[in-house]
């Protein structure tokens, strides 16, 4: 399973692929919430009724770096 995120048109888009099926979630950058969750400190992206976790395959010491980069990218977009 792979997960990709990118900014497009004022939205944070997270795509995940599992068994050949791609799921896409788009979050309005002005309403999205990012925070660390769980014992493994995954990053949860949440807005409205949808949420996804990212960072599962990233080393745990790099997840806070990714969280800060996401927050900065959303502010500057």
C-alpha atoms as a PDB file:
ATOM      1  CA  UNK A   1       0.000   0.000   0.000  1.00  0.00           C
ATOM      2  CA  UNK A   2       1.283   3.446  -0.856  1.00  0.00           C
ATOM      3  CA  UNK A   3       0.181   6.885   0.214  1.00  0.00           C
ATOM      4  CA  UNK A   4       0.934  10.172  -1.528  1.00  0.00           C
ATOM      5  CA  UNK A   5      -0.026  13.695  -0.530  1.00  0.00           C
ATOM      6  CA  UNK A   6       0.130  16.947  -2.442  1.00  0.00           C
ATOM      7  CA  UNK A   7      -1.358  20.444  -2.520  1.00  0.00           C
ATOM      8  CA  UNK A   8      -3.590  21.388  -5.433  1.00  0.00           C
ATOM      9  CA  UNK A   9      -5.871  24.380  -5.794  1.00  0.00           C
ATOM     10  CA  UNK A  10      -5.992  25.222  -2.090  1.00  0.00           C
ATOM     11  CA  UNK A  11      -6.642  21.632  -1.078  1.00  0.00           C
ATOM     12  CA  UNK A  12      -4.509  18.966   0.563  1.00  0.00           C
ATOM     13  CA  UNK A  13      -5.023  15.773  -1.421  1.00  0.00           C
ATOM     14  CA  UNK A  14      -4.114  12.374   0.038  1.00  0.00           C
ATOM     15  CA  UNK A  15      -4.133   9.364  -2.274  1.00  0.00           C
ATOM     16  CA  UNK A  16      -3.761   5.831  -1.021  1.00  0.00           C
ATOM     17  CA  UNK A  17      -3.466   2.637  -3.026  1.00  0.00           C
ATOM     18  CA  UNK A  18      -4.277  -0.826  -1.790  1.00  0.00           C
ATOM     19  CA  UNK A  19      -4.614  -3.924  -3.954  1.00  0.00           C
ATOM     20  CA  UNK A  20      -4.757  -1.757  -7.074  1.00  0.00           C
ATOM     21  CA  UNK A  21      -7.608   0.412  -5.781  1.00  0.00           C
ATOM     22  CA  UNK A  22      -6.838   4.123  -5.387  1.00  0.00           C
ATOM     23  CA  UNK A  23      -8.707   6.179  -2.793  1.00  0.00           C
ATOM     24  CA  UNK A  24      -8.465   9.957  -2.907  1.00  0.00           C
ATOM     25  CA  UNK A  25      -9.400  12.323  -0.088  1.00  0.00           C
ATOM     26  CA  UNK A  26      -9.258  16.089  -0.581  1.00  0.00           C
ATOM     27  CA  UNK A  27      -9.205  18.465   2.372  1.00  0.00           C
ATOM     28  CA  UNK A  28      -9.814  22.227   2.230  1.00  0.00           C
ATOM     29  CA  UNK A  29      -6.539  23.748   3.424  1.00  0.00           C
ATOM     30  CA  UNK A  30      -8.382  26.327   5.541  1.00  0.00           C
ATOM     31  CA  UNK A  31     -10.318  23.670   7.450  1.00  0.00           C
ATOM     32  CA  UNK A  32      -7.908  20.766   7.657  1.00  0.00           C
ATOM     33  CA  UNK A  33      -6.540  19.692  11.052  1.00  0.00           C
ATOM     34  CA  UNK A  34      -3.231  17.905  11.468  1.00  0.00           C
ATOM     35  CA  UNK A  35      -2.142  16.201  14.648  1.00  0.00           C
ATOM     36  CA  UNK A  36      -0.135  13.256  15.936  1.00  0.00           C
ATOM     37  CA  UNK A  37      -2.118  10.228  17.108  1.00  0.00           C
ATOM     38  CA  UNK A  38      -1.503   6.871  18.719  1.00  0.00           C
ATOM     39  CA  UNK A  39       1.495   5.198  20.246  1.00  0.00           C
ATOM     40  CA  UNK A  40       3.267   5.119  16.892  1.00  0.00           C
ATOM     41  CA  UNK A  41       2.594   8.860  16.515  1.00  0.00           C
ATOM     42  CA  UNK A  42       1.042   8.709  13.074  1.00  0.00           C
ATOM     43  CA  UNK A  43      -0.152  11.950  11.525  1.00  0.00           C
ATOM     44  CA  UNK A  44      -3.901  12.295  11.245  1.00  0.00           C
ATOM     45  CA  UNK A  45      -5.336  14.564   8.567  1.00  0.00           C
ATOM     46  CA  UNK A  46      -8.948  15.460   9.389  1.00  0.00           C
ATOM     47  CA  UNK A  47     -11.612  17.760   8.058  1.00  0.00           C
ATOM     48  CA  UNK A  48     -15.354  17.434   8.399  1.00  0.00           C
ATOM     49  CA  UNK A  49     -16.324  13.789   8.458  1.00  0.00           C
ATOM     50  CA  UNK A  50     -13.247  12.335   6.783  1.00  0.00           C
ATOM     51  CA  UNK A  51      -9.854  11.460   8.198  1.00  0.00           C
ATOM     52  CA  UNK A  52      -6.747   9.619   7.049  1.00  0.00           C
ATOM     53  CA  UNK A  53      -3.505   8.715   8.779  1.00  0.00           C
ATOM     54  CA  UNK A  54      -0.160   9.231   7.095  1.00  0.00           C
ATOM     55  CA  UNK A  55       3.420   8.422   8.025  1.00  0.00           C
ATOM     56  CA  UNK A  56       3.019   4.712   8.747  1.00  0.00           C
ATOM     57  CA  UNK A  57       6.077   3.764   6.659  1.00  0.00           C
ATOM     58  CA  UNK A  58       8.160   6.719   7.770  1.00  0.00           C
ATOM     59  CA  UNK A  59      10.702   6.374  10.571  1.00  0.00           C
ATOM     60  CA  UNK A  60       9.178   7.566  13.835  1.00  0.00           C
ATOM     61  CA  UNK A  61      11.850  10.249  14.307  1.00  0.00           C
ATOM     62  CA  UNK A  62      10.925  11.756  10.919  1.00  0.00           C
ATOM     63  CA  UNK A  63       7.165  11.953  11.508  1.00  0.00           C
ATOM     64  CA  UNK A  64       7.362  15.215  13.521  1.00  0.00           C
ATOM     65  CA  UNK A  65       9.446  16.678  10.680  1.00  0.00           C
ATOM     66  CA  UNK A  66       6.764  15.679   8.165  1.00  0.00           C
ATOM     67  CA  UNK A  67       4.039  17.124  10.401  1.00  0.00           C
ATOM     68  CA  UNK A  68       5.868  20.465  10.573  1.00  0.00           C
ATOM     69  CA  UNK A  69       6.473  20.463   6.807  1.00  0.00           C
ATOM     70  CA  UNK A  70       2.788  19.789   6.141  1.00  0.00           C
ATOM     71  CA  UNK A  71       1.732  22.600   8.464  1.00  0.00           C
ATOM     72  CA  UNK A  72       4.181  25.013   6.821  1.00  0.00           C
ATOM     73  CA  UNK A  73       3.066  24.024   3.309  1.00  0.00           C
ATOM     74  CA  UNK A  74      -0.584  24.574   4.230  1.00  0.00           C
ATOM     75  CA  UNK A  75       0.172  28.006   5.703  1.00  0.00           C
ATOM     76  CA  UNK A  76       2.166  29.097   2.670  1.00  0.00           C
ATOM     77  CA  UNK A  77      -0.198  27.701   0.014  1.00  0.00           C
END
